[in-house]
Amino acid sequence: MSGSLAFDEYGRPFIIIRDQERKSRLTGIEAHKSHIMAAKSVAGVLRTSLGPKGLDKLLVSPDGDITVTNDGATILKQMDVQHQIAKLMVQLSQSQDDEIGDGTTGVVVLAGALLEQAEQLLDRGIHPIRVADGYEMAAKVACEHLEKISEDFTVSPKDREDLIRLAMTTLGSKIVNRCHRQMAEIAVDAIMAVADFERKDVDFELIKVEGKVGGKMEDTMLIKGVIIDKDMSHPQMPKNIKDAKIAILTCPFEPPKPKTKHGLEVKSVEDYRKLREYELEKFESMVQQVKDTGSNLVICQWGFDDEANHLLLQKKLPAVRWVGGPEIELIAIATGGRIVPRFEELTKEKLGKAGIVRELSFGTTKERMLVIEDCNNSRAVTIFIRGGNKMIVEEGKRSIHDALCVIRNLVKDRRIVYGGGAPEISCSLAVAEAAKKISTLEQYAMKSFSEALESVPLALAENSGFAPIHTLADIKSRQIKENNPRLGIDCLNKGTNDMKTQSVIETLSSKRAQILLAVQLTKMILKIDDVRGSADQM
């Protein structure tokens, strides 16, 4: 690095540093190769995590926190990636997670395979834009074929069995598969409690997922109400309150202070007594105002001191303090109450109602939580996850989130396809057939797309301990012979390749989103032919 000396208008010297030689550029085919290599390495990391027999990754944060997961979006989010294209792959899995909630590993594996195939086409001298166009045409064919092979699925609160099987497919590859069915039932019941079948929508705000370390994973439960990580403000307050009428306050139990800056001088014992009497009078009037409305439980966003706490106990008014904003809102939604910012505004009509409010205690620990059940608006539910350590609880939360998302997608769009790599093989055959009818250069890209689709069943077979190419060739030939698009990889060794018989179900929206998102990202990467930055960034 070279530099030269210069002087400013005051005669002070400063050095101008020339670091042009440290600047770097990647252009043309070099840029494409660098991008494809980065995408392939990210996809390679996730490839072994695909499917029910997929392996987990252990991720260590800079603080030393450990995460063990095989959820694609979580692995990529916590991986420390430097390359620009690798960061795009992270965003790809994140958008699949936000939009669909499932298939975050599959979408990255597919994008990596598409780019790997594109590399061979670029080596043969085909222009990146022609490759991108061919991929676009192939994606259209694949999505149309998916719709052809999809089936309608009945979604109703009365018929839970099929939905449970769908949730079990999603949870099959997760750490929670020890209590597979129980978790699937919890996810289905939670969605059925809050789903709006007329609007075909599910409000996720009404489902809260809470976790607590301790106990077994089998202790996980669904609570038709709200659970908050607090206990009664005084240990002698009742632990069970039936027919609770809840005052939800965002004002603290303390005497009002003047709004301006003020100083208060206490010069004599008399002044101090007056001040104390004033405080006591205010406390009593606040507690009385709450009692007068008929309330028998106070939930307060702020804390209150021991004096107010003791007075609440004397007046037999149980209270919970320091309840956070989001939790207060959820309690208000569930109980049909109003959040009240001033004691003067509290009326009987603004109280929330719940059948029972009880305190949960955990084994020999002193930890306690409050459960508010049988609420007026019972549509708010809480999934309460238990596990031996923090890592398992966190993975349980992620797994349940995936299952909830999949059932939510089915409420929105009732079409399904069968999993186990069957739809990818079927689409691969359809795209290869369509490529034969195209006379332009794009047919090569379409053939490559068809081969890239096979990367998912290949990875599934490999992760299940089968000979991947032999297994894939066998299923492909059987799909053609039997004209059965439901044949996939028998990952769990159940003795049949028909995924309908195995009840391995995936939503059409998830599969379609995987293909479209992977193609969009591939197109974007293929169109980048110039990268500028400092040498250490490249």
Protein backbone atom coordinates (compact mmCIF):
# COMPACT_ATOMS: atom_id res chain seq x y z
CA MET A 1 0.00 0.00 0.00
CA SER A 2 1.55 3.35 -1.05
CA GLY A 3 0.83 6.87 0.17
CA SER A 4 1.92 10.47 -0.32
CA LEU A 5 2.17 13.47 2.00
CA ALA A 6 -0.06 16.53 1.50
CA PHE A 7 -0.90 19.65 3.55
CA ASP A 8 -4.27 21.23 4.35
CA GLU A 9 -5.04 24.98 4.29
CA TYR A 10 -3.65 25.39 7.82
CA GLY A 11 -0.36 23.73 6.91
CA ARG A 12 -1.16 20.50 8.80
CA PRO A 13 0.26 17.40 7.09
CA PHE A 14 -1.91 14.40 6.19
CA ILE A 15 -1.21 11.23 4.23
CA ILE A 16 -3.21 10.20 1.14
CA ILE A 17 -3.23 6.43 1.00
CA ARG A 18 -3.61 4.71 -2.33
CA ASP A 19 -5.10 1.25 -1.88
CA GLN A 20 -6.16 0.71 -5.46
CA GLU A 21 -4.04 -2.44 -5.67
CA ARG A 22 -6.06 -3.86 -2.74
CA LYS A 23 -9.28 -3.40 -4.70
CA SER A 24 -10.44 -6.48 -6.50
CA ARG A 25 -12.91 -7.25 -9.28
CA LEU A 26 -14.42 -10.45 -10.49
CA THR A 27 -15.88 -10.31 -13.98
CA GLY A 28 -17.46 -12.57 -16.58
CA ILE A 29 -17.12 -16.33 -16.25
CA GLU A 30 -14.81 -15.93 -13.21
CA ALA A 31 -17.61 -14.18 -11.30
CA HIS A 32 -20.12 -16.88 -12.29
CA LYS A 33 -17.75 -19.67 -11.21
CA SER A 34 -17.08 -18.00 -7.84
CA HIS A 35 -20.81 -17.57 -7.19
CA ILE A 36 -21.69 -21.11 -8.18
CA MET A 37 -18.92 -22.53 -5.98
CA ALA A 38 -20.20 -20.55 -2.94
CA ALA A 39 -23.81 -21.66 -3.53
CA LYS A 40 -22.73 -25.31 -3.98
CA SER A 41 -20.77 -25.28 -0.72
CA VAL A 42 -23.78 -23.91 1.22
CA ALA A 43 -26.14 -26.44 -0.39
CA GLY A 44 -23.59 -29.19 0.38
CA VAL A 45 -23.73 -28.34 4.09
CA LEU A 46 -27.53 -28.66 4.14
CA ARG A 47 -27.77 -31.67 1.85
CA THR A 48 -27.07 -34.18 4.65
CA SER A 49 -29.87 -32.66 6.78
CA LEU A 50 -32.64 -33.47 4.28
CA GLY A 51 -35.37 -35.96 5.10
CA PRO A 52 -36.47 -37.99 8.14
CA LYS A 53 -33.05 -39.67 8.43
CA GLY A 54 -31.20 -36.36 7.84
CA LEU A 55 -28.35 -35.52 10.21
CA ASP A 56 -28.33 -32.61 12.64
CA LYS A 57 -25.84 -29.75 12.75
CA LEU A 58 -24.26 -28.41 15.92
CA LEU A 59 -23.79 -24.65 15.73
CA VAL A 60 -21.70 -22.71 18.23
CA SER A 61 -22.35 -18.97 18.56
CA PRO A 62 -19.56 -16.44 19.36
CA ASP A 63 -20.82 -16.47 22.98
CA GLY A 64 -20.47 -20.25 23.16
CA ASP A 65 -24.23 -20.96 22.99
CA ILE A 66 -24.95 -24.32 21.37
CA THR A 67 -27.76 -25.01 18.90
CA VAL A 68 -28.45 -28.50 17.54
CA THR A 69 -30.92 -28.49 14.64
CA ASN A 70 -31.64 -29.78 11.15
CA ASP A 71 -33.96 -26.90 10.26
CA GLY A 72 -32.43 -25.33 7.14
CA ALA A 73 -33.39 -21.74 7.95
CA THR A 74 -31.93 -21.96 11.48
CA ILE A 75 -28.67 -23.57 10.30
CA LEU A 76 -28.10 -20.86 7.70
CA LYS A 77 -29.15 -18.02 9.99
CA GLN A 78 -26.61 -19.07 12.60
CA MET A 79 -23.81 -19.99 10.18
CA ASP A 80 -21.16 -17.29 9.88
CA VAL A 81 -21.13 -16.85 6.08
CA GLN A 82 -18.88 -14.22 4.47
CA HIS A 83 -19.42 -14.74 0.74
CA GLN A 84 -22.07 -12.49 -0.84
CA ILE A 85 -23.79 -15.35 -2.69
CA ALA A 86 -23.80 -17.52 0.44
CA LYS A 87 -25.64 -14.63 2.16
CA LEU A 88 -28.21 -14.71 -0.66
CA MET A 89 -28.73 -18.43 0.04
CA VAL A 90 -29.38 -17.56 3.71
CA GLN A 91 -32.04 -15.07 2.58
CA LEU A 92 -33.54 -17.71 0.26
CA SER A 93 -34.15 -20.17 3.09
CA GLN A 94 -35.40 -17.31 5.28
CA SER A 95 -37.99 -16.27 2.68
CA GLN A 96 -39.16 -19.91 2.36
CA ASP A 97 -39.45 -20.02 6.17
CA ASP A 98 -41.39 -16.73 6.33
CA GLU A 99 -43.69 -17.54 3.43
CA ILE A 100 -44.31 -21.28 3.88
CA GLY A 101 -42.58 -22.35 7.11
CA ASP A 102 -41.50 -25.73 5.75
CA GLY A 103 -39.07 -26.96 3.07
CA THR A 104 -36.25 -24.61 4.06
CA THR A 105 -33.59 -27.32 3.54
CA GLY A 106 -35.06 -28.60 0.26
CA VAL A 107 -35.15 -25.16 -1.35
CA VAL A 108 -31.42 -24.57 -0.73
CA VAL A 109 -30.48 -28.08 -1.96
CA LEU A 110 -32.52 -27.46 -5.14
CA ALA A 111 -30.97 -24.00 -5.73
CA GLY A 112 -27.47 -25.50 -5.28
CA ALA A 113 -28.28 -28.28 -7.79
CA LEU A 114 -29.65 -25.78 -10.34
CA LEU A 115 -26.46 -23.73 -10.12
CA GLU A 116 -24.29 -26.86 -10.38
CA GLN A 117 -26.09 -27.81 -13.59
CA ALA A 118 -25.81 -24.22 -14.85
CA GLU A 119 -22.01 -24.40 -14.45
CA GLN A 120 -21.83 -27.26 -16.96
CA LEU A 121 -23.98 -25.29 -19.42
CA LEU A 122 -21.77 -22.20 -19.07
CA ASP A 123 -18.70 -24.38 -19.74
CA ARG A 124 -20.36 -25.50 -22.97
CA GLY A 125 -20.59 -21.85 -24.04
CA ILE A 126 -24.32 -21.25 -23.43
CA HIS A 127 -25.05 -17.67 -22.38
CA PRO A 128 -26.26 -17.23 -18.75
CA ILE A 129 -29.42 -15.42 -19.90
CA ARG A 130 -30.40 -18.38 -22.12
CA VAL A 131 -29.85 -20.70 -19.13
CA ALA A 132 -32.02 -18.46 -16.91
CA ASP A 133 -34.77 -18.38 -19.56
CA GLY A 134 -34.68 -22.17 -19.91
CA TYR A 135 -34.98 -22.57 -16.15
CA GLU A 136 -37.97 -20.22 -16.14
CA MET A 137 -39.72 -22.29 -18.84
CA ALA A 138 -38.93 -25.51 -16.96
CA ALA A 139 -40.27 -24.08 -13.67
CA LYS A 140 -43.55 -23.23 -15.42
CA VAL A 141 -43.84 -26.81 -16.73
CA ALA A 142 -42.99 -28.23 -13.27
CA CYS A 143 -45.58 -26.06 -11.47
CA GLU A 144 -48.31 -26.99 -13.98
CA HIS A 145 -47.41 -30.68 -13.54
CA LEU A 146 -47.53 -30.32 -9.73
CA GLU A 147 -51.08 -28.98 -10.01
CA LYS A 148 -52.01 -31.96 -12.21
CA ILE A 149 -50.74 -34.55 -9.75
CA SER A 150 -52.05 -32.73 -6.64
CA GLU A 151 -55.12 -33.95 -4.75
CA ASP A 152 -57.76 -32.10 -2.77
CA PHE A 153 -57.61 -32.54 0.97
CA THR A 154 -60.46 -32.23 3.44
CA VAL A 155 -59.75 -29.71 6.18
CA SER A 156 -62.31 -29.70 8.94
CA PRO A 157 -62.15 -29.58 12.73
CA LYS A 158 -64.15 -32.85 12.85
CA ASP A 159 -61.74 -34.87 10.71
CA ARG A 160 -58.37 -34.45 12.45
CA GLU A 161 -56.71 -37.72 11.46
CA ASP A 162 -55.51 -36.66 7.97
CA LEU A 163 -54.23 -33.34 9.31
CA ILE A 164 -52.31 -35.15 12.05
CA ARG A 165 -50.66 -37.36 9.41
CA LEU A 166 -49.64 -34.22 7.49
CA ALA A 167 -48.13 -32.66 10.64
CA MET A 168 -46.32 -35.94 11.35
CA THR A 169 -44.67 -35.77 7.90
CA THR A 170 -43.28 -32.35 8.77
CA LEU A 171 -42.13 -33.43 12.23
CA GLY A 172 -40.62 -36.70 10.97
CA SER A 173 -37.19 -35.14 10.39
CA LYS A 174 -37.16 -33.19 13.66
CA ILE A 175 -35.70 -33.91 17.08
CA VAL A 176 -39.25 -34.22 18.50
CA ASN A 177 -40.06 -37.41 16.59
CA ARG A 178 -39.83 -39.33 19.89
CA CYS A 179 -43.29 -37.99 20.77
CA HIS A 180 -44.21 -37.63 17.10
CA ARG A 181 -47.96 -38.07 17.24
CA GLN A 182 -48.50 -36.03 20.40
CA MET A 183 -46.71 -33.00 18.89
CA ALA A 184 -48.68 -33.36 15.64
CA GLU A 185 -51.98 -33.47 17.58
CA ILE A 186 -51.02 -30.35 19.56
CA ALA A 187 -50.18 -28.45 16.34
CA VAL A 188 -53.46 -29.50 14.66
CA ASP A 189 -55.59 -28.64 17.72
CA ALA A 190 -53.91 -25.22 18.03
CA ILE A 191 -54.62 -24.32 14.38
CA MET A 192 -58.20 -25.65 14.54
CA ALA A 193 -58.84 -23.48 17.63
CA VAL A 194 -57.81 -20.24 15.89
CA ALA A 195 -58.51 -20.92 12.18
CA ASP A 196 -61.05 -18.79 10.32
CA PHE A 197 -62.45 -21.24 7.74
CA GLU A 198 -64.61 -18.62 6.01
CA ARG A 199 -61.68 -16.34 5.25
CA LYS A 200 -59.35 -19.33 4.84
CA ASP A 201 -56.84 -17.75 7.17
CA VAL A 202 -55.06 -18.38 10.47
CA ASP A 203 -53.96 -15.57 12.76
CA PHE A 204 -50.62 -16.65 14.20
CA GLU A 205 -50.82 -13.81 16.74
CA LEU A 206 -53.37 -15.94 18.63
CA ILE A 207 -50.95 -18.87 19.02
CA LYS A 208 -48.21 -18.37 21.56
CA VAL A 209 -45.38 -20.88 21.90
CA GLU A 210 -43.78 -20.93 25.34
CA GLY A 211 -40.99 -23.17 26.57
CA LYS A 212 -39.67 -24.09 29.98
CA VAL A 213 -36.58 -26.18 30.72
CA GLY A 214 -37.28 -29.23 32.86
CA GLY A 215 -39.55 -32.24 32.64
CA LYS A 216 -39.86 -34.55 29.65
CA MET A 217 -40.78 -33.61 26.10
CA GLU A 218 -43.93 -35.72 26.64
CA ASP A 219 -45.04 -33.11 29.22
CA THR A 220 -45.63 -30.62 26.37
CA MET A 221 -49.25 -29.48 26.38
CA LEU A 222 -51.76 -27.25 24.63
CA ILE A 223 -53.47 -24.72 26.86
CA LYS A 224 -56.76 -23.22 25.65
CA GLY A 225 -55.84 -19.83 26.99
CA VAL A 226 -52.73 -17.86 27.89
CA ILE A 227 -49.69 -18.82 29.94
CA ILE A 228 -47.40 -16.15 31.41
CA ASP A 229 -44.04 -16.62 33.04
CA LYS A 230 -45.04 -14.81 36.26
CA ASP A 231 -46.47 -15.71 39.64
CA MET A 232 -48.70 -13.92 42.14
CA SER A 233 -47.02 -10.82 43.57
CA HIS A 234 -47.38 -12.12 47.16
CA PRO A 235 -46.79 -15.76 48.18
CA GLN A 236 -49.92 -15.75 50.41
CA MET A 237 -52.28 -14.76 47.61
CA PRO A 238 -54.61 -17.55 46.35
CA LYS A 239 -53.11 -19.82 43.69
CA ASN A 240 -56.43 -20.72 42.05
CA ILE A 241 -59.06 -18.16 41.09
CA LYS A 242 -62.33 -19.41 39.58
CA ASP A 243 -64.58 -17.11 37.52
CA ALA A 244 -61.79 -14.56 37.34
CA LYS A 245 -62.74 -10.97 36.51
CA ILE A 246 -59.46 -9.47 35.45
CA ALA A 247 -58.48 -5.78 35.59
CA ILE A 248 -55.71 -5.27 32.98
CA LEU A 249 -53.76 -2.16 33.97
CA THR A 250 -50.91 -0.25 32.39
CA CYS A 251 -50.79 2.23 35.29
CA PRO A 252 -48.61 1.52 38.35
CA PHE A 253 -49.87 1.18 41.93
CA GLU A 254 -48.03 4.23 43.20
CA PRO A 255 -48.95 7.81 44.16
CA PRO A 256 -49.03 10.24 41.22
CA LYS A 257 -45.94 12.41 40.77
CA PRO A 258 -46.08 15.99 39.43
CA LYS A 259 -45.28 16.02 35.71
CA THR A 260 -42.77 18.90 36.02
CA LYS A 261 -39.32 18.65 37.59
CA HIS A 262 -39.84 19.06 41.28
CA GLY A 263 -38.11 18.93 44.62
CA LEU A 264 -39.94 18.00 47.80
CA GLU A 265 -38.45 19.00 51.13
CA VAL A 266 -39.52 17.12 54.24
CA LYS A 267 -38.51 19.44 57.11
CA SER A 268 -40.31 17.90 60.05
CA VAL A 269 -41.80 14.66 61.30
CA GLU A 270 -45.23 16.18 60.70
CA ASP A 271 -44.42 16.68 56.97
CA TYR A 272 -43.24 13.10 56.72
CA ARG A 273 -46.42 11.81 58.38
CA LYS A 274 -48.56 13.87 56.01
CA LEU A 275 -46.68 12.50 53.02
CA ARG A 276 -47.07 8.94 54.31
CA GLU A 277 -50.79 9.44 54.96
CA TYR A 278 -51.20 10.90 51.46
CA GLU A 279 -49.47 7.85 49.93
CA LEU A 280 -51.55 5.43 51.99
CA GLU A 281 -54.75 7.26 51.08
CA LYS A 282 -53.81 7.09 47.37
CA PHE A 283 -52.97 3.38 47.58
CA GLU A 284 -56.27 2.67 49.34
CA SER A 285 -58.28 4.67 46.80
CA MET A 286 -56.56 2.84 43.88
CA VAL A 287 -57.23 -0.60 45.39
CA GLN A 288 -60.82 0.43 46.21
CA GLN A 289 -61.43 1.65 42.66
CA VAL A 290 -60.36 -1.78 41.36
CA LYS A 291 -62.47 -3.61 43.99
CA ASP A 292 -65.55 -1.49 43.20
CA THR A 293 -65.64 -2.76 39.61
CA GLY A 294 -66.03 -6.33 40.91
CA SER A 295 -62.53 -7.37 39.85
CA ASN A 296 -60.95 -10.31 41.68
CA LEU A 297 -57.55 -10.31 39.90
CA VAL A 298 -55.24 -7.49 38.79
CA ILE A 299 -52.70 -7.88 36.00
CA CYS A 300 -50.35 -4.89 35.97
CA GLN A 301 -47.74 -3.96 33.39
CA TRP A 302 -45.64 -2.17 36.02
CA GLY A 303 -44.34 -3.16 39.42
CA PHE A 304 -45.56 -1.93 42.80
CA ASP A 305 -43.74 -1.68 46.07
CA ASP A 306 -44.19 -3.81 49.19
CA GLU A 307 -46.66 -1.38 50.76
CA ALA A 308 -49.06 -1.60 47.84
CA ASN A 309 -48.49 -5.35 47.66
CA HIS A 310 -49.35 -5.78 51.36
CA LEU A 311 -52.48 -3.65 50.95
CA LEU A 312 -53.62 -5.78 47.98
CA LEU A 313 -53.18 -8.89 50.13
CA GLN A 314 -55.15 -7.32 53.01
CA LYS A 315 -57.97 -6.34 50.65
CA LYS A 316 -57.97 -9.89 49.20
CA LEU A 317 -57.17 -8.69 45.71
CA PRO A 318 -54.64 -11.07 44.04
CA ALA A 319 -52.25 -9.32 41.64
CA VAL A 320 -49.56 -10.10 39.05
CA ARG A 321 -46.89 -7.50 38.32
CA TRP A 322 -44.33 -6.83 35.57
CA VAL A 323 -46.36 -8.47 32.77
CA GLY A 324 -44.83 -7.43 29.42
CA GLY A 325 -46.63 -5.53 26.64
CA PRO A 326 -47.17 -8.42 24.15
CA GLU A 327 -48.41 -10.70 26.95
CA ILE A 328 -50.81 -8.03 28.23
CA GLU A 329 -52.24 -7.67 24.71
CA LEU A 330 -52.67 -11.43 24.38
CA ILE A 331 -54.43 -11.60 27.77
CA ALA A 332 -56.75 -8.76 26.68
CA ILE A 333 -57.58 -10.58 23.39
CA ALA A 334 -58.17 -13.91 25.15
CA THR A 335 -60.27 -12.63 28.06
CA GLY A 336 -62.17 -9.99 26.08
CA GLY A 337 -60.93 -7.30 28.48
CA ARG A 338 -59.72 -3.76 27.78
CA ILE A 339 -56.26 -2.46 28.65
CA VAL A 340 -56.81 0.44 31.07
CA PRO A 341 -54.22 3.25 31.36
CA ARG A 342 -55.80 5.08 34.38
CA PHE A 343 -57.57 3.86 37.52
CA GLU A 344 -60.35 6.42 36.95
CA GLU A 345 -61.21 4.81 33.59
CA LEU A 346 -61.66 1.30 35.00
CA THR A 347 -65.27 0.08 34.73
CA LYS A 348 -67.03 -3.25 35.08
CA GLU A 349 -67.39 -3.53 31.28
CA LYS A 350 -63.63 -3.30 30.74
CA LEU A 351 -62.81 -6.36 32.85
CA GLY A 352 -61.60 -9.53 31.16
CA LYS A 353 -63.25 -12.82 32.09
CA ALA A 354 -61.70 -16.25 32.48
CA GLY A 355 -63.06 -19.54 33.86
CA ILE A 356 -59.97 -20.24 35.93
CA VAL A 357 -56.60 -18.66 36.62
CA ARG A 358 -54.17 -21.08 38.26
CA GLU A 359 -50.51 -21.22 39.16
CA LEU A 360 -48.38 -24.03 37.74
CA SER A 361 -45.36 -25.10 39.76
CA PHE A 362 -42.62 -27.30 38.38
CA GLY A 363 -41.44 -30.28 40.37
CA THR A 364 -39.00 -29.43 43.13
CA THR A 365 -38.04 -26.04 41.67
CA LYS A 366 -39.50 -22.80 42.91
CA GLU A 367 -40.38 -21.69 39.39
CA ARG A 368 -44.02 -20.91 38.76
CA MET A 369 -46.17 -19.80 35.84
CA LEU A 370 -49.73 -18.54 35.58
CA VAL A 371 -52.29 -20.19 33.33
CA ILE A 372 -55.42 -18.28 32.27
CA GLU A 373 -57.96 -20.79 30.89
CA ASP A 374 -61.60 -21.01 29.71
CA CYS A 375 -61.45 -17.45 28.44
CA ASN A 376 -64.31 -15.53 26.84
CA ASN A 377 -62.52 -15.56 23.52
CA SER A 378 -61.06 -19.06 23.71
CA ARG A 379 -59.46 -18.66 20.28
CA ALA A 380 -56.18 -17.61 21.88
CA VAL A 381 -54.13 -20.70 22.68
CA THR A 382 -50.65 -21.42 24.05
CA ILE A 383 -48.39 -24.37 23.28
CA PHE A 384 -46.26 -25.05 26.34
CA ILE A 385 -43.10 -27.02 25.48
CA ARG A 386 -40.99 -28.88 28.04
CA GLY A 387 -37.58 -30.43 27.53
CA GLY A 388 -34.51 -31.63 29.38
CA ASN A 389 -32.39 -28.62 28.42
CA LYS A 390 -32.61 -25.25 26.66
CA MET A 391 -31.39 -26.67 23.34
CA ILE A 392 -34.19 -29.27 23.16
CA VAL A 393 -36.86 -26.71 24.14
CA GLU A 394 -35.67 -24.32 21.40
CA GLU A 395 -35.64 -27.10 18.78
CA GLY A 396 -39.13 -28.11 19.96
CA LYS A 397 -40.32 -24.54 19.37
CA ARG A 398 -38.87 -24.53 15.83
CA SER A 399 -40.41 -27.93 15.04
CA ILE A 400 -43.86 -26.91 16.28
CA HIS A 401 -43.60 -23.67 14.27
CA ASP A 402 -42.96 -25.69 11.08
CA ALA A 403 -45.94 -27.99 11.77
CA LEU A 404 -48.21 -24.99 12.49
CA CYS A 405 -47.14 -23.30 9.24
CA VAL A 406 -47.85 -26.41 7.16
CA ILE A 407 -51.37 -26.82 8.56
CA ARG A 408 -51.96 -23.08 8.14
CA ASN A 409 -50.98 -23.41 4.45
CA LEU A 410 -53.48 -26.23 4.05
CA VAL A 411 -56.27 -24.07 5.48
CA LYS A 412 -55.38 -21.47 2.80
CA ASP A 413 -54.90 -23.92 -0.09
CA ARG A 414 -56.30 -27.44 0.32
CA ARG A 415 -54.28 -29.16 -2.39
CA ILE A 416 -51.55 -31.64 -1.41
CA VAL A 417 -48.89 -33.77 -3.07
CA TYR A 418 -47.18 -36.85 -1.64
CA GLY A 419 -43.62 -36.44 -0.33
CA GLY A 420 -40.54 -38.63 -0.23
CA GLY A 421 -39.11 -37.08 -3.41
CA ALA A 422 -42.08 -38.40 -5.47
CA PRO A 423 -43.21 -34.97 -6.81
CA GLU A 424 -39.63 -34.03 -7.77
CA ILE A 425 -39.16 -37.28 -9.73
CA SER A 426 -42.53 -36.83 -11.44
CA CYS A 427 -41.78 -33.18 -12.33
CA SER A 428 -38.31 -34.17 -13.55
CA LEU A 429 -39.88 -36.66 -15.99
CA ALA A 430 -42.45 -34.07 -17.14
CA VAL A 431 -39.78 -31.37 -17.73
CA ALA A 432 -37.51 -33.82 -19.60
CA GLU A 433 -40.49 -34.73 -21.83
CA ALA A 434 -41.31 -31.05 -22.45
CA ALA A 435 -37.65 -30.29 -23.32
CA LYS A 436 -37.83 -32.70 -26.27
CA LYS A 437 -40.50 -30.53 -27.90
CA ILE A 438 -38.37 -27.35 -27.83
CA SER A 439 -36.12 -26.60 -30.78
CA THR A 440 -34.20 -23.64 -29.30
CA LEU A 441 -31.11 -23.57 -27.08
CA GLU A 442 -33.32 -23.45 -23.95
CA GLN A 443 -33.91 -27.20 -24.25
CA TYR A 444 -30.46 -27.81 -22.73
CA ALA A 445 -31.33 -25.67 -19.70
CA MET A 446 -34.63 -27.53 -19.34
CA LYS A 447 -32.83 -30.90 -19.40
CA SER A 448 -30.44 -29.58 -16.74
CA PHE A 449 -33.42 -28.41 -14.65
CA SER A 450 -34.87 -31.92 -14.91
CA GLU A 451 -31.58 -33.38 -13.60
CA ALA A 452 -31.38 -30.78 -10.81
CA LEU A 453 -34.83 -31.80 -9.55
CA GLU A 454 -33.44 -35.29 -8.99
CA SER A 455 -30.99 -33.93 -6.40
CA VAL A 456 -33.74 -34.00 -3.73
CA PRO A 457 -34.66 -37.72 -4.03
CA LEU A 458 -30.94 -38.53 -4.43
CA ALA A 459 -30.16 -36.75 -1.14
CA LEU A 460 -33.11 -38.49 0.58
CA ALA A 461 -31.88 -41.92 -0.58
CA GLU A 462 -28.28 -41.13 0.42
CA ASN A 463 -29.31 -39.90 3.89
CA SER A 464 -31.41 -43.05 4.40
CA GLY A 465 -28.42 -45.31 3.71
CA PHE A 466 -29.51 -46.55 0.25
CA ALA A 467 -27.45 -46.64 -2.95
CA PRO A 468 -28.71 -43.26 -4.28
CA ILE A 469 -28.38 -43.69 -8.06
CA HIS A 470 -29.67 -47.28 -8.09
CA THR A 471 -32.68 -46.33 -5.88
CA LEU A 472 -33.54 -43.28 -8.01
CA ALA A 473 -33.27 -45.22 -11.30
CA ASP A 474 -35.59 -47.91 -9.92
CA ILE A 475 -38.27 -45.39 -8.77
CA LYS A 476 -38.07 -43.43 -12.04
CA SER A 477 -38.66 -46.51 -14.14
CA ARG A 478 -41.55 -47.61 -11.89
CA GLN A 479 -43.18 -44.15 -12.08
CA ILE A 480 -43.11 -44.38 -15.90
CA LYS A 481 -44.26 -48.03 -16.04
CA GLU A 482 -47.04 -47.75 -13.46
CA ASN A 483 -47.93 -44.12 -14.30
CA ASN A 484 -47.95 -43.47 -10.55
CA PRO A 485 -46.57 -40.04 -9.45
CA ARG A 486 -46.90 -41.06 -5.79
CA LEU A 487 -43.86 -43.38 -5.80
CA GLY A 488 -40.97 -41.96 -3.75
CA ILE A 489 -38.02 -42.96 -1.58
CA ASP A 490 -38.96 -45.33 1.26
CA CYS A 491 -36.80 -43.46 3.82
CA LEU A 492 -38.31 -45.21 6.84
CA ASN A 493 -38.04 -48.77 5.41
CA LYS A 494 -41.78 -49.40 5.61
CA GLY A 495 -41.68 -51.80 2.67
CA THR A 496 -43.65 -49.69 0.17
CA ASN A 497 -42.66 -46.83 -2.11
CA ASP A 498 -46.21 -45.53 -2.45
CA MET A 499 -46.23 -42.36 -0.35
CA LYS A 500 -50.03 -42.34 -0.19
CA THR A 501 -49.94 -45.70 1.63
CA GLN A 502 -47.20 -44.34 3.93
CA SER A 503 -49.21 -41.12 4.55
CA VAL A 504 -46.23 -38.92 3.67
CA ILE A 505 -48.08 -35.74 2.74
CA GLU A 506 -46.80 -32.28 1.75
CA THR A 507 -48.72 -29.16 0.78
CA LEU A 508 -48.75 -28.12 -2.86
CA SER A 509 -47.98 -24.50 -1.87
CA SER A 510 -44.74 -25.61 -0.14
CA LYS A 511 -43.48 -27.60 -3.14
CA ARG A 512 -44.40 -24.88 -5.63
CA ALA A 513 -42.72 -22.19 -3.51
CA GLN A 514 -39.54 -24.29 -3.30
CA ILE A 515 -39.27 -24.53 -7.09
CA LEU A 516 -40.16 -20.89 -7.79
CA LEU A 517 -37.87 -19.44 -5.10
CA ALA A 518 -34.94 -21.65 -6.14
CA VAL A 519 -35.37 -20.59 -9.79
CA GLN A 520 -35.66 -16.89 -8.88
CA LEU A 521 -32.42 -17.01 -6.89
CA THR A 522 -30.62 -18.99 -9.62
CA LYS A 523 -31.69 -16.44 -12.24
CA MET A 524 -30.49 -13.59 -10.04
CA ILE A 525 -27.07 -15.22 -9.52
CA LEU A 526 -26.67 -16.08 -13.21
CA LYS A 527 -27.26 -12.45 -14.15
CA ILE A 528 -24.40 -11.16 -11.94
CA ASP A 529 -21.20 -10.94 -13.98
CA ASP A 530 -19.25 -8.25 -12.15
CA VAL A 531 -18.41 -7.98 -8.45
CA ARG A 532 -16.36 -5.13 -7.01
CA GLY A 533 -15.02 -4.92 -3.50
CA SER A 534 -11.87 -4.94 -1.42
CA ALA A 535 -9.65 -8.00 -1.78
CA ASP A 536 -10.48 -9.40 1.66
CA GLN A 537 -14.19 -9.48 0.80
CA MET A 538 -13.77 -11.64 -2.27
